[in-house]
PDB file of N, CA and C in Angstrom:
ATOM      1  N   MET A   1     152.573  56.901  74.735  1.00  0.00           N
ATOM      2  CA  MET A   1     153.018  56.167  75.909  1.00  0.00           C
ATOM      3  C   MET A   1     152.709  54.693  75.715  1.00  0.00           C
ATOM      4  N   SER A   2     153.128  53.917  76.635  1.00  0.00           N
ATOM      5  CA  SER A   2     152.988  52.472  76.547  1.00  0.00           C
ATOM      6  C   SER A   2     152.012  51.960  77.596  1.00  0.00           C
ATOM      7  N   ILE A   3     151.492  50.783  77.328  1.00  0.00           N
ATOM      8  CA  ILE A   3     150.606  50.123  78.281  1.00  0.00           C
ATOM      9  C   ILE A   3     151.364  49.782  79.570  1.00  0.00           C
ATOM     10  N   LEU A   4     152.680  49.694  79.476  1.00  0.00           N
ATOM     11  CA  LEU A   4     153.497  49.419  80.659  1.00  0.00           C
ATOM     12  C   LEU A   4     153.317  50.510  81.717  1.00  0.00           C
ATOM     13  N   PHE A   5     153.188  51.770  81.275  1.00  0.00           N
ATOM     14  CA  PHE A   5     152.962  52.865  82.212  1.00  0.00           C
ATOM     15  C   PHE A   5     151.637  52.683  82.958  1.00  0.00           C
ATOM     16  N   LEU A   6     150.634  52.168  82.253  1.00  0.00           N
ATOM     17  CA  LEU A   6     149.338  51.928  82.879  1.00  0.00           C
ATOM     18  C   LEU A   6     149.433  50.802  83.906  1.00  0.00           C
ATOM     19  N   LYS A   7     150.226  49.798  83.601  1.00  0.00           N
ATOM     20  CA  LYS A   7     150.444  48.693  84.542  1.00  0.00           C
ATOM     21  C   LYS A   7     151.135  49.208  85.811  1.00  0.00           C
ATOM     22  N   ILE A   8     152.106  50.075  85.630  1.00  0.00           N
ATOM     23  CA  ILE A   8     152.811  50.658  86.774  1.00  0.00           C
ATOM     24  C   ILE A   8     151.861  51.537  87.591  1.00  0.00           C
ATOM     25  N   LYS A   9     150.997  52.266  86.904  1.00  0.00           N
ATOM     26  CA  LYS A   9     150.016  53.102  87.609  1.00  0.00           C
ATOM     27  C   LYS A   9     149.087  52.234  88.456  1.00  0.00           C
ATOM     28  N   LEU A  10     148.664  51.096  87.920  1.00  0.00           N
ATOM     29  CA  LEU A  10     147.810  50.169  88.680  1.00  0.00           C
ATOM     30  C   LEU A  10     148.507  49.703  89.947  1.00  0.00           C
ATOM     31  N   LYS A  11     149.757  49.326  89.817  1.00  0.00           N
ATOM     32  CA  LYS A  11     150.506  48.849  90.981  1.00  0.00           C
ATOM     33  C   LYS A  11     150.729  49.967  91.993  1.00  0.00           C
ATOM     34  N   SER A  12     150.937  51.185  91.516  1.00  0.00           N
ATOM     35  CA  SER A  12     151.112  52.318  92.417  1.00  0.00           C
ATOM     36  C   SER A  12     149.830  52.625  93.187  1.00  0.00           C
ATOM     37  N   LEU A  13     148.695  52.545  92.503  1.00  0.00           N
ATOM     38  CA  LEU A  13     147.413  52.774  93.174  1.00  0.00           C
ATOM     39  C   LEU A  13     147.138  51.691  94.211  1.00  0.00           C
ATOM     40  N   GLU A  14     147.522  50.460  93.902  1.00  0.00           N
ATOM     41  CA  GLU A  14     147.368  49.371  94.868  1.00  0.00           C
ATOM     42  C   GLU A  14     148.202  49.649  96.119  1.00  0.00           C
ATOM     43  N   ALA A  15     149.448  50.051  95.917  1.00  0.00           N
ATOM     44  CA  ALA A  15     150.325  50.351  97.053  1.00  0.00           C
ATOM     45  C   ALA A  15     149.810  51.549  97.846  1.00  0.00           C
ATOM     46  N   GLU A  16     149.294  52.555  97.142  1.00  0.00           N
ATOM     47  CA  GLU A  16     148.752  53.729  97.831  1.00  0.00           C
ATOM     48  C   GLU A  16     147.577  53.345  98.723  1.00  0.00           C
ATOM     49  N   ALA A  17     146.691  52.497  98.220  1.00  0.00           N
ATOM     50  CA  ALA A  17     145.539  52.064  99.024  1.00  0.00           C
ATOM     51  C   ALA A  17     145.991  51.300 100.264  1.00  0.00           C
ATOM     52  N   LYS A  18     147.004  50.453 100.105  1.00  0.00           N
ATOM     53  CA  LYS A  18     147.516  49.693 101.250  1.00  0.00           C
ATOM     54  C   LYS A  18     148.140  50.614 102.304  1.00  0.00           C
ATOM     55  N   ILE A  19     148.904  51.594 101.842  1.00  0.00           N
ATOM     56  CA  ILE A  19     149.546  52.533 102.769  1.00  0.00           C
ATOM     57  C   ILE A  19     148.498  53.363 103.503  1.00  0.00           C
ATOM     58  N   ILE A  20     147.510  53.850 102.768  1.00  0.00           N
ATOM     59  CA  ILE A  20     146.453  54.644 103.404  1.00  0.00           C
ATOM     60  C   ILE A  20     145.700  53.801 104.416  1.00  0.00           C
ATOM     61  N   ARG A  21     145.378  52.561 104.059  1.00  0.00           N
ATOM     62  CA  ARG A  21     144.660  51.678 104.987  1.00  0.00           C
ATOM     63  C   ARG A  21     145.462  51.450 106.265  1.00  0.00           C
ATOM     64  N   LYS A  22     146.761  51.267 106.128  1.00  0.00           N
ATOM     65  CA  LYS A  22     147.634  51.059 107.280  1.00  0.00           C
ATOM     66  C   LYS A  22     147.607  52.270 108.207  1.00  0.00           C
ATOM     67  N   HIS A  23     147.727  53.462 107.635  1.00  0.00           N
ATOM     68  CA  HIS A  23     147.707  54.686 108.447  1.00  0.00           C
ATOM     69  C   HIS A  23     146.306  54.987 108.968  1.00  0.00           C
ATOM     70  N   GLU A  24     145.325  54.590 108.220  1.00  0.00           N
ATOM     71  CA  GLU A  24     143.933  54.779 108.646  1.00  0.00           C
ATOM     72  C   GLU A  24     143.646  54.002 109.928  1.00  0.00           C
ATOM     73  N   GLN A  25     144.197  52.803 110.026  1.00  0.00           N
ATOM     74  CA  GLN A  25     143.966  51.967 111.205  1.00  0.00           C
ATOM     75  C   GLN A  25     144.625  52.562 112.457  1.00  0.00           C
ATOM     76  N   ARG A  26     145.700  53.304 112.264  1.00  0.00           N
ATOM     77  CA  ARG A  26     146.412  53.908 113.403  1.00  0.00           C
ATOM     78  C   ARG A  26     145.808  55.247 113.822  1.00  0.00           C
ATOM     79  N   ALA A  27     145.169  55.933 112.894  1.00  0.00           N
ATOM     80  CA  ALA A  27     144.663  57.276 113.155  1.00  0.00           C
ATOM     81  C   ALA A  27     143.358  57.231 113.950  1.00  0.00           C
ATOM     82  N   ILE A  28     143.016  58.368 114.514  1.00  0.00           N
ATOM     83  CA  ILE A  28     141.759  58.478 115.246  1.00  0.00           C
ATOM     84  C   ILE A  28     141.045  59.756 114.810  1.00  0.00           C
ATOM     85  N   GLY A  29     139.752  59.783 115.031  1.00  0.00           N
ATOM     86  CA  GLY A  29     138.965  60.979 114.794  1.00  0.00           C
ATOM     87  C   GLY A  29     138.805  61.351 113.336  1.00  0.00           C
ATOM     88  N   GLN A  30     138.856  62.650 113.089  1.00  0.00           N
ATOM     89  CA  GLN A  30     138.597  63.186 111.755  1.00  0.00           C
ATOM     90  C   GLN A  30     139.665  62.752 110.744  1.00  0.00           C
ATOM     91  N   ILE A  31     140.897  62.611 111.191  1.00  0.00           N
ATOM     92  CA  ILE A  31     141.968  62.192 110.270  1.00  0.00           C
ATOM     93  C   ILE A  31     141.668  60.800 109.728  1.00  0.00           C
ATOM     94  N   ARG A  32     141.214  59.919 110.590  1.00  0.00           N
ATOM     95  CA  ARG A  32     140.865  58.563 110.154  1.00  0.00           C
ATOM     96  C   ARG A  32     139.740  58.609 109.123  1.00  0.00           C
ATOM     97  N   THR A  33     138.734  59.415 109.384  1.00  0.00           N
ATOM     98  CA  THR A  33     137.607  59.547 108.460  1.00  0.00           C
ATOM     99  C   THR A  33     138.073  60.111 107.117  1.00  0.00           C
ATOM    100  N   ASP A  34     138.929  61.122 107.153  1.00  0.00           N
ATOM    101  CA  ASP A  34     139.435  61.723 105.913  1.00  0.00           C
ATOM    102  C   ASP A  34     140.268  60.730 105.104  1.00  0.00           C
ATOM    103  N   LEU A  35     141.118  59.969 105.782  1.00  0.00           N
ATOM    104  CA  LEU A  35     141.914  58.952 105.089  1.00  0.00           C
ATOM    105  C   LEU A  35     141.021  57.897 104.454  1.00  0.00           C
ATOM    106  N   HIS A  36     140.018  57.457 105.192  1.00  0.00           N
ATOM    107  CA  HIS A  36     139.092  56.448 104.673  1.00  0.00           C
ATOM    108  C   HIS A  36     138.344  56.978 103.441  1.00  0.00           C
ATOM    109  N   GLU A  37     137.846  58.196 103.534  1.00  0.00           N
ATOM    110  CA  GLU A  37     137.121  58.795 102.412  1.00  0.00           C
ATOM    111  C   GLU A  37     138.020  58.922 101.179  1.00  0.00           C
ATOM    112  N   HIS A  38     139.261  59.323 101.378  1.00  0.00           N
ATOM    113  CA  HIS A  38     140.187  59.453 100.253  1.00  0.00           C
ATOM    114  C   HIS A  38     140.452  58.085  99.612  1.00  0.00           C
ATOM    115  N   ARG A  39     140.682  57.081 100.441  1.00  0.00           N
ATOM    116  CA  ARG A  39     140.958  55.738  99.918  1.00  0.00           C
ATOM    117  C   ARG A  39     139.761  55.179  99.160  1.00  0.00           C
ATOM    118  N   VAL A  40     138.578  55.331  99.719  1.00  0.00           N
ATOM    119  CA  VAL A  40     137.382  54.727  99.122  1.00  0.00           C
ATOM    120  C   VAL A  40     136.860  55.537  97.939  1.00  0.00           C
ATOM    121  N   ARG A  41     136.837  56.837  98.050  1.00  0.00           N
ATOM    122  CA  ARG A  41     136.214  57.651  97.003  1.00  0.00           C
ATOM    123  C   ARG A  41     137.171  58.064  95.888  1.00  0.00           C
ATOM    124  N   VAL A  42     138.402  58.360  96.202  1.00  0.00           N
ATOM    125  CA  VAL A  42     139.338  58.854  95.187  1.00  0.00           C
ATOM    126  C   VAL A  42     140.206  57.733  94.628  1.00  0.00           C
ATOM    127  N   VAL A  43     140.930  57.056  95.507  1.00  0.00           N
ATOM    128  CA  VAL A  43     141.885  56.043  95.054  1.00  0.00           C
ATOM    129  C   VAL A  43     141.159  54.859  94.420  1.00  0.00           C
ATOM    130  N   ARG A  44     140.085  54.395  95.037  1.00  0.00           N
ATOM    131  CA  ARG A  44     139.363  53.245  94.498  1.00  0.00           C
ATOM    132  C   ARG A  44     138.755  53.556  93.131  1.00  0.00           C
ATOM    133  N   LYS A  45     138.193  54.748  92.987  1.00  0.00           N
ATOM    134  CA  LYS A  45     137.593  55.147  91.705  1.00  0.00           C
ATOM    135  C   LYS A  45     138.656  55.206  90.609  1.00  0.00           C
ATOM    136  N   GLU A  46     139.796  55.768  90.932  1.00  0.00           N
ATOM    137  CA  GLU A  46     140.882  55.869  89.951  1.00  0.00           C
ATOM    138  C   GLU A  46     141.446  54.485  89.610  1.00  0.00           C
ATOM    139  N   ALA A  47     141.551  53.624  90.615  1.00  0.00           N
ATOM    140  CA  ALA A  47     142.053  52.266  90.371  1.00  0.00           C
ATOM    141  C   ALA A  47     141.103  51.488  89.462  1.00  0.00           C
ATOM    142  N   ARG A  48     139.803  51.659  89.671  1.00  0.00           N
ATOM    143  CA  ARG A  48     138.826  50.959  88.831  1.00  0.00           C
ATOM    144  C   ARG A  48     138.905  51.450  87.387  1.00  0.00           C
ATOM    145  N   SER A  49     138.983  52.758  87.192  1.00  0.00           N
ATOM    146  CA  SER A  49     139.101  53.311  85.843  1.00  0.00           C
ATOM    147  C   SER A  49     140.383  52.831  85.164  1.00  0.00           C
ATOM    148  N   THR A  50     141.456  52.819  85.914  1.00  0.00           N
ATOM    149  CA  THR A  50     142.740  52.353  85.376  1.00  0.00           C
ATOM    150  C   THR A  50     142.666  50.879  85.004  1.00  0.00           C
ATOM    151  N   HIS A  51     142.035  50.087  85.851  1.00  0.00           N
ATOM    152  CA  HIS A  51     141.889  48.657  85.595  1.00  0.00           C
ATOM    153  C   HIS A  51     141.068  48.411  84.322  1.00  0.00           C
ATOM    154  N   LEU A  52     140.004  49.160  84.131  1.00  0.00           N
ATOM    155  CA  LEU A  52     139.183  49.010  82.924  1.00  0.00           C
ATOM    156  C   LEU A  52     139.966  49.411  81.670  1.00  0.00           C
ATOM    157  N   ALA A  53     140.707  50.514  81.744  1.00  0.00           N
ATOM    158  CA  ALA A  53     141.504  50.950  80.592  1.00  0.00           C
ATOM    159  C   ALA A  53     142.591  49.927  80.273  1.00  0.00           C
ATOM    160  N   TYR A  54     143.235  49.415  81.298  1.00  0.00           N
ATOM    161  CA  TYR A  54     144.286  48.416  81.109  1.00  0.00           C
ATOM    162  C   TYR A  54     143.718  47.138  80.479  1.00  0.00           C
ATOM    163  N   GLY A  55     142.579  46.689  80.963  1.00  0.00           N
ATOM    164  CA  GLY A  55     141.943  45.499  80.399  1.00  0.00           C
ATOM    165  C   GLY A  55     141.529  45.703  78.956  1.00  0.00           C
ATOM    166  N   PHE A  56     140.983  46.874  78.637  1.00  0.00           N
ATOM    167  CA  PHE A  56     140.601  47.177  77.258  1.00  0.00           C
ATOM    168  C   PHE A  56     141.810  47.136  76.332  1.00  0.00           C
ATOM    169  N   LEU A  57     142.890  47.775  76.750  1.00  0.00           N
ATOM    170  CA  LEU A  57     144.087  47.816  75.908  1.00  0.00           C
ATOM    171  C   LEU A  57     144.745  46.450  75.762  1.00  0.00           C
ATOM    172  N   ARG A  58     144.487  45.555  76.702  1.00  0.00           N
ATOM    173  CA  ARG A  58     145.027  44.199  76.601  1.00  0.00           C
ATOM    174  C   ARG A  58     144.098  43.261  75.833  1.00  0.00           C
ATOM    175  N   GLY A  59     142.957  43.777  75.382  1.00  0.00           N
ATOM    176  CA  GLY A  59     142.058  42.979  74.562  1.00  0.00           C
ATOM    177  C   GLY A  59     141.050  42.154  75.341  1.00  0.00           C
ATOM    178  N   ARG A  60     140.825  42.468  76.586  1.00  0.00           N
ATOM    179  CA  ARG A  60     139.846  41.746  77.392  1.00  0.00           C
ATOM    180  C   ARG A  60     138.459  42.318  77.146  1.00  0.00           C
ATOM    181  N   SER A  61     137.446  41.482  77.278  1.00  0.00           N
ATOM    182  CA  SER A  61     136.073  41.977  77.159  1.00  0.00           C
ATOM    183  C   SER A  61     135.658  42.583  78.491  1.00  0.00           C
ATOM    184  N   LEU A  62     134.636  43.405  78.452  1.00  0.00           N
ATOM    185  CA  LEU A  62     134.155  44.054  79.666  1.00  0.00           C
ATOM    186  C   LEU A  62     133.668  43.016  80.673  1.00  0.00           C
ATOM    187  N   SER A  63     133.046  41.956  80.195  1.00  0.00           N
ATOM    188  CA  SER A  63     132.560  40.916  81.111  1.00  0.00           C
ATOM    189  C   SER A  63     133.706  40.131  81.747  1.00  0.00           C
ATOM    190  N   GLN A  64     134.853  40.061  81.087  1.00  0.00           N
ATOM    191  CA  GLN A  64     136.012  39.401  81.687  1.00  0.00           C
ATOM    192  C   GLN A  64     136.627  40.257  82.788  1.00  0.00           C
ATOM    193  N   ILE A  65     136.521  41.559  82.648  1.00  0.00           N
ATOM    194  CA  ILE A  65     137.114  42.462  83.632  1.00  0.00           C
ATOM    195  C   ILE A  65     136.187  42.645  84.823  1.00  0.00           C
ATOM    196  N   GLU A  66     134.933  42.933  84.542  1.00  0.00           N
ATOM    197  CA  GLU A  66     133.935  43.143  85.592  1.00  0.00           C
ATOM    198  C   GLU A  66     132.716  42.278  85.283  1.00  0.00           C
ATOM    199  N   ALA A  67     132.614  41.163  85.960  1.00  0.00           N
ATOM    200  CA  ALA A  67     131.472  40.287  85.726  1.00  0.00           C
ATOM    201  C   ALA A  67     130.187  40.929  86.249  1.00  0.00           C
ATOM    202  N   ASN A  68     130.232  41.443  87.441  1.00  0.00           N
ATOM    203  CA  ASN A  68     129.066  42.086  88.054  1.00  0.00           C
ATOM    204  C   ASN A  68     129.489  43.432  88.607  1.00  0.00           C
ATOM    205  N   SER A  69     128.676  44.432  88.334  1.00  0.00           N
ATOM    206  CA  SER A  69     128.973  45.758  88.849  1.00  0.00           C
ATOM    207  C   SER A  69     127.672  46.461  89.193  1.00  0.00           C
ATOM    208  N   ASN A  70     127.651  47.088  90.350  1.00  0.00           N
ATOM    209  CA  ASN A  70     126.454  47.808  90.777  1.00  0.00           C
ATOM    210  C   ASN A  70     126.532  49.298  90.484  1.00  0.00           C
ATOM    211  N   THR A  71     127.727  49.792  90.228  1.00  0.00           N
ATOM    212  CA  THR A  71     127.896  51.216  89.969  1.00  0.00           C
ATOM    213  C   THR A  71     128.504  51.433  88.595  1.00  0.00           C
ATOM    214  N   LYS A  72     128.183  52.567  88.015  1.00  0.00           N
ATOM    215  CA  LYS A  72     128.689  52.914  86.692  1.00  0.00           C
ATOM    216  C   LYS A  72     130.113  53.456  86.813  1.00  0.00           C
ATOM    217  N   PRO A  73     131.032  52.953  86.010  1.00  0.00           N
ATOM    218  CA  PRO A  73     132.406  53.482  86.051  1.00  0.00           C
ATOM    219  C   PRO A  73     132.479  54.893  85.475  1.00  0.00           C
ATOM    220  N   ASP A  74     133.571  55.556  85.709  1.00  0.00           N
ATOM    221  CA  ASP A  74     133.825  56.878  85.152  1.00  0.00           C
ATOM    222  C   ASP A  74     134.407  56.685  83.748  1.00  0.00           C
ATOM    223  N   TRP A  75     133.518  56.603  82.743  1.00  0.00           N
ATOM    224  CA  TRP A  75     133.960  56.301  81.386  1.00  0.00           C
ATOM    225  C   TRP A  75     134.808  57.422  80.794  1.00  0.00           C
ATOM    226  N   ASP A  76     134.617  58.655  81.248  1.00  0.00           N
ATOM    227  CA  ASP A  76     135.469  59.752  80.761  1.00  0.00           C
ATOM    228  C   ASP A  76     136.914  59.532  81.177  1.00  0.00           C
ATOM    229  N   SER A  77     137.108  59.082  82.408  1.00  0.00           N
ATOM    230  CA  SER A  77     138.453  58.801  82.903  1.00  0.00           C
ATOM    231  C   SER A  77     139.073  57.617  82.156  1.00  0.00           C
ATOM    232  N   VAL A  78     138.269  56.584  81.910  1.00  0.00           N
ATOM    233  CA  VAL A  78     138.749  55.414  81.163  1.00  0.00           C
ATOM    234  C   VAL A  78     139.166  55.840  79.754  1.00  0.00           C
ATOM    235  N   SER A  79     138.321  56.614  79.108  1.00  0.00           N
ATOM    236  CA  SER A  79     138.625  57.079  77.755  1.00  0.00           C
ATOM    237  C   SER A  79     139.891  57.926  77.717  1.00  0.00           C
ATOM    238  N   ARG A  80     140.053  58.789  78.705  1.00  0.00           N
ATOM    239  CA  ARG A  80     141.249  59.630  78.784  1.00  0.00           C
ATOM    240  C   ARG A  80     142.511  58.775  78.893  1.00  0.00           C
ATOM    241  N   MET A  81     142.442  57.725  79.719  1.00  0.00           N
ATOM    242  CA  MET A  81     143.613  56.853  79.888  1.00  0.00           C
ATOM    243  C   MET A  81     143.896  56.034  78.636  1.00  0.00           C
ATOM    244  N   VAL A  82     142.843  55.587  77.960  1.00  0.00           N
ATOM    245  CA  VAL A  82     143.033  54.818  76.724  1.00  0.00           C
ATOM    246  C   VAL A  82     143.711  55.695  75.678  1.00  0.00           C
ATOM    247  N   LYS A  83     143.286  56.956  75.594  1.00  0.00           N
ATOM    248  CA  LYS A  83     143.914  57.877  74.638  1.00  0.00           C
ATOM    249  C   LYS A  83     145.369  58.144  75.006  1.00  0.00           C
ATOM    250  N   LYS A  84     145.632  58.278  76.290  1.00  0.00           N
ATOM    251  CA  LYS A  84     146.984  58.622  76.742  1.00  0.00           C
ATOM    252  C   LYS A  84     147.950  57.448  76.639  1.00  0.00           C
ATOM    253  N   TYR A  85     147.521  56.261  77.060  1.00  0.00           N
ATOM    254  CA  TYR A  85     148.439  55.124  77.155  1.00  0.00           C
ATOM    255  C   TYR A  85     148.337  54.144  75.991  1.00  0.00           C
ATOM    256  N   GLY A  86     147.245  54.183  75.248  1.00  0.00           N
ATOM    257  CA  GLY A  86     147.064  53.233  74.157  1.00  0.00           C
ATOM    258  C   GLY A  86     147.669  53.718  72.856  1.00  0.00           C
ATOM    259  N   PRO A  87     147.702  52.830  71.868  1.00  0.00           N
ATOM    260  CA  PRO A  87     148.192  53.250  70.559  1.00  0.00           C
ATOM    261  C   PRO A  87     147.228  54.246  69.913  1.00  0.00           C
ATOM    262  N   TYR A  88     147.727  54.976  68.927  1.00  0.00           N
ATOM    263  CA  TYR A  88     146.915  55.989  68.265  1.00  0.00           C
ATOM    264  C   TYR A  88     145.649  55.358  67.686  1.00  0.00           C
ATOM    265  N   GLY A  89     144.508  55.970  67.971  1.00  0.00           N
ATOM    266  CA  GLY A  89     143.247  55.494  67.429  1.00  0.00           C
ATOM    267  C   GLY A  89     142.543  54.434  68.254  1.00  0.00           C
ATOM    268  N   SER A  90     143.117  54.036  69.358  1.00  0.00           N
ATOM    269  CA  SER A  90     142.499  52.962  70.149  1.00  0.00           C
ATOM    270  C   SER A  90     141.249  53.428  70.878  1.00  0.00           C
ATOM    271  N   ALA A  91     141.098  54.730  71.084  1.00  0.00           N
ATOM    272  CA  ALA A  91     139.926  55.245  71.797  1.00  0.00           C
ATOM    273  C   ALA A  91     138.648  55.052  70.990  1.00  0.00           C
ATOM    274  N   GLU A  92     138.756  54.972  69.660  1.00  0.00           N
ATOM    275  CA  GLU A  92     137.568  54.755  68.832  1.00  0.00           C
ATOM    276  C   GLU A  92     136.969  53.367  69.082  1.00  0.00           C
ATOM    277  N   GLY A  93     137.804  52.404  69.383  1.00  0.00           N
ATOM    278  CA  GLY A  93     137.325  51.056  69.659  1.00  0.00           C
ATOM    279  C   GLY A  93     136.629  50.925  70.997  1.00  0.00           C
ATOM    280  N   LEU A  94     136.809  51.908  71.859  1.00  0.00           N
ATOM    281  CA  LEU A  94     136.200  51.871  73.187  1.00  0.00           C
ATOM    282  C   LEU A  94     134.675  51.911  73.102  1.00  0.00           C
ATOM    283  N   LYS A  95     134.128  52.662  72.155  1.00  0.00           N
ATOM    284  CA  LYS A  95     132.670  52.747  72.001  1.00  0.00           C
ATOM    285  C   LYS A  95     132.088  51.394  71.616  1.00  0.00           C
ATOM    286  N   ASP A  96     132.746  50.693  70.708  1.00  0.00           N
ATOM    287  CA  ASP A  96     132.276  49.358  70.316  1.00  0.00           C
ATOM    288  C   ASP A  96     132.404  48.380  71.474  1.00  0.00           C
ATOM    289  N   TRP A  97     133.454  48.530  72.252  1.00  0.00           N
ATOM    290  CA  TRP A  97     133.708  47.649  73.391  1.00  0.00           C
ATOM    291  C   TRP A  97     132.635  47.804  74.453  1.00  0.00           C
ATOM    292  N   LEU A  98     132.126  49.020  74.617  1.00  0.00           N
ATOM    293  CA  LEU A  98     131.115  49.293  75.633  1.00  0.00           C
ATOM    294  C   LEU A  98     129.720  48.850  75.209  1.00  0.00           C
ATOM    295  N   ALA A  99     129.490  48.730  73.917  1.00  0.00           N
ATOM    296  CA  ALA A  99     128.161  48.342  73.437  1.00  0.00           C
ATOM    297  C   ALA A  99     127.859  46.907  73.841  1.00  0.00           C
ATOM    298  N   PRO A 100     126.635  46.651  74.295  1.00  0.00           N
ATOM    299  CA  PRO A 100     126.295  45.278  74.662  1.00  0.00           C
ATOM    300  C   PRO A 100     126.263  44.395  73.412  1.00  0.00           C
ATOM    301  N   PRO A 101     126.550  43.112  73.559  1.00  0.00           N
ATOM    302  CA  PRO A 101     126.539  42.229  72.397  1.00  0.00           C
ATOM    303  C   PRO A 101     125.136  42.129  71.814  1.00  0.00           C
ATOM    304  N   ALA A 102     125.065  41.771  70.538  1.00  0.00           N
ATOM    305  CA  ALA A 102     123.773  41.592  69.881  1.00  0.00           C
ATOM    306  C   ALA A 102     123.031  40.428  70.525  1.00  0.00           C
ATOM    307  N   ASP A 103     121.841  40.163  70.062  1.00  0.00           N
ATOM    308  CA  ASP A 103     121.030  39.097  70.640  1.00  0.00           C
ATOM    309  C   ASP A 103     121.843  37.811  70.776  1.00  0.00           C
ATOM    310  N   PRO A 104     121.983  37.331  71.989  1.00  0.00           N
ATOM    311  CA  PRO A 104     122.786  36.117  72.182  1.00  0.00           C
ATOM    312  C   PRO A 104     122.049  34.874  71.699  1.00  0.00           C
ATOM    313  N   VAL A 105     122.808  33.881  71.334  1.00  0.00           N
ATOM    314  CA  VAL A 105     122.245  32.598  70.959  1.00  0.00           C
ATOM    315  C   VAL A 105     122.335  31.709  72.194  1.00  0.00           C
ATOM    316  N   LEU A 106     121.200  31.300  72.681  1.00  0.00           N
ATOM    317  CA  LEU A 106     121.168  30.513  73.904  1.00  0.00           C
ATOM    318  C   LEU A 106     120.840  29.057  73.594  1.00  0.00           C
ATOM    319  N   PRO A 107     121.723  28.149  73.946  1.00  0.00           N
ATOM    320  CA  PRO A 107     121.390  26.738  73.758  1.00  0.00           C
ATOM    321  C   PRO A 107     120.343  26.315  74.782  1.00  0.00           C
ATOM    322  N   PHE A 108     119.580  25.337  74.458  1.00  0.00           N
ATOM    323  CA  PHE A 108     118.563  24.767  75.347  1.00  0.00           C
ATOM    324  C   PHE A 108     117.470  25.774  75.698  1.00  0.00           C
ATOM    325  N   ALA A 109     117.258  26.782  74.862  1.00  0.00           N
ATOM    326  CA  ALA A 109     116.325  27.847  75.215  1.00  0.00           C
ATOM    327  C   ALA A 109     114.889  27.345  75.353  1.00  0.00           C
ATOM    328  N   HIS A 110     114.459  26.521  74.427  1.00  0.00           N
ATOM    329  CA  HIS A 110     113.075  26.065  74.487  1.00  0.00           C
ATOM    330  C   HIS A 110     112.985  24.552  74.591  1.00  0.00           C
ATOM    331  N   GLY A 111     114.089  23.928  74.895  1.00  0.00           N
ATOM    332  CA  GLY A 111     114.089  22.480  75.039  1.00  0.00           C
ATOM    333  C   GLY A 111     114.018  21.737  73.714  1.00  0.00           C
ATOM    334  N   GLU A 112     114.186  22.457  72.597  1.00  0.00           N
ATOM    335  CA  GLU A 112     114.150  21.797  71.288  1.00  0.00           C
ATOM    336  C   GLU A 112     115.426  20.998  71.096  1.00  0.00           C
ATOM    337  N   LYS A 113     115.328  19.908  70.389  1.00  0.00           N
ATOM    338  CA  LYS A 113     116.502  19.074  70.182  1.00  0.00           C
ATOM    339  C   LYS A 113     116.939  19.114  68.727  1.00  0.00           C
ATOM    340  N   ASP A 114     118.244  19.074  68.558  1.00  0.00           N
ATOM    341  CA  ASP A 114     118.804  18.977  67.228  1.00  0.00           C
ATOM    342  C   ASP A 114     118.608  17.539  66.788  1.00  0.00           C
ATOM    343  N   LYS A 115     117.793  17.335  65.760  1.00  0.00           N
ATOM    344  CA  LYS A 115     117.421  15.981  65.360  1.00  0.00           C
ATOM    345  C   LYS A 115     118.612  15.174  64.868  1.00  0.00           C
ATOM    346  N   ALA A 116     119.568  15.822  64.244  1.00  0.00           N
ATOM    347  CA  ALA A 116     120.716  15.097  63.704  1.00  0.00           C
ATOM    348  C   ALA A 116     121.597  14.549  64.826  1.00  0.00           C
ATOM    349  N   ARG A 117     121.734  15.291  65.908  1.00  0.00           N
ATOM    350  CA  ARG A 117     122.639  14.879  66.980  1.00  0.00           C
ATOM    351  C   ARG A 117     121.903  14.386  68.217  1.00  0.00           C
ATOM    352  N   GLY A 118     120.641  14.679  68.341  1.00  0.00           N
ATOM    353  CA  GLY A 118     119.904  14.294  69.527  1.00  0.00           C
ATOM    354  C   GLY A 118     120.216  15.184  70.710  1.00  0.00           C
ATOM    355  N   THR A 119     120.765  16.388  70.436  1.00  0.00           N
ATOM    356  CA  THR A 119     121.083  17.335  71.500  1.00  0.00           C
ATOM    357  C   THR A 119     120.197  18.559  71.361  1.00  0.00           C
ATOM    358  N   PRO A 120     120.014  19.305  72.428  1.00  0.00           N
ATOM    359  CA  PRO A 120     119.212  20.524  72.309  1.00  0.00           C
ATOM    360  C   PRO A 120     119.829  21.486  71.304  1.00  0.00           C
ATOM    361  N   ALA A 121     118.985  22.095  70.483  1.00  0.00           N
ATOM    362  CA  ALA A 121     119.449  23.015  69.434  1.00  0.00           C
ATOM    363  C   ALA A 121     119.613  24.408  70.002  1.00  0.00           C
ATOM    364  N   ALA A 122     120.500  25.163  69.366  1.00  0.00           N
ATOM    365  CA  ALA A 122     120.678  26.557  69.752  1.00  0.00           C
ATOM    366  C   ALA A 122     119.520  27.361  69.180  1.00  0.00           C
ATOM    367  N   VAL A 123     118.916  28.189  69.995  1.00  0.00           N
ATOM    368  CA  VAL A 123     117.758  28.963  69.572  1.00  0.00           C
ATOM    369  C   VAL A 123     118.052  30.436  69.798  1.00  0.00           C
ATOM    370  N   GLU A 124     117.771  31.273  68.812  1.00  0.00           N
ATOM    371  CA  GLU A 124     117.957  32.707  69.004  1.00  0.00           C
ATOM    372  C   GLU A 124     116.791  33.261  69.773  1.00  0.00           C
ATOM    373  N   VAL A 125     117.125  34.108  70.739  1.00  0.00           N
ATOM    374  CA  VAL A 125     116.098  34.704  71.582  1.00  0.00           C
ATOM    375  C   VAL A 125     115.885  36.139  71.169  1.00  0.00           C
TER     376      VAL A 125
END
């Protein structure tokens, strides 16, 4: 399959959430609660997994897609979508993509200056 199908799935999930929210506002009682639970627990979770798979297949880093996250994504669902919609063998790259980067090089870490330029030197932490 193509990444285009994943893009269409993202747009469909967005529309589904909007439709459910609209009907949720009109409903009362248990139906309203059920609609809300479906939108928040099922549709939102699937949309997040789809968004992560789509970003991975487009070559985005995890930090570009989700800068801050308090909950762990459903990586099994992401992997399933990458296998289904991505090119053959793209799921193997998902493990490397999920691994945190090696020790970062932080400039200005200890206030040391690069003597040649008079600027703070990059220091490995």
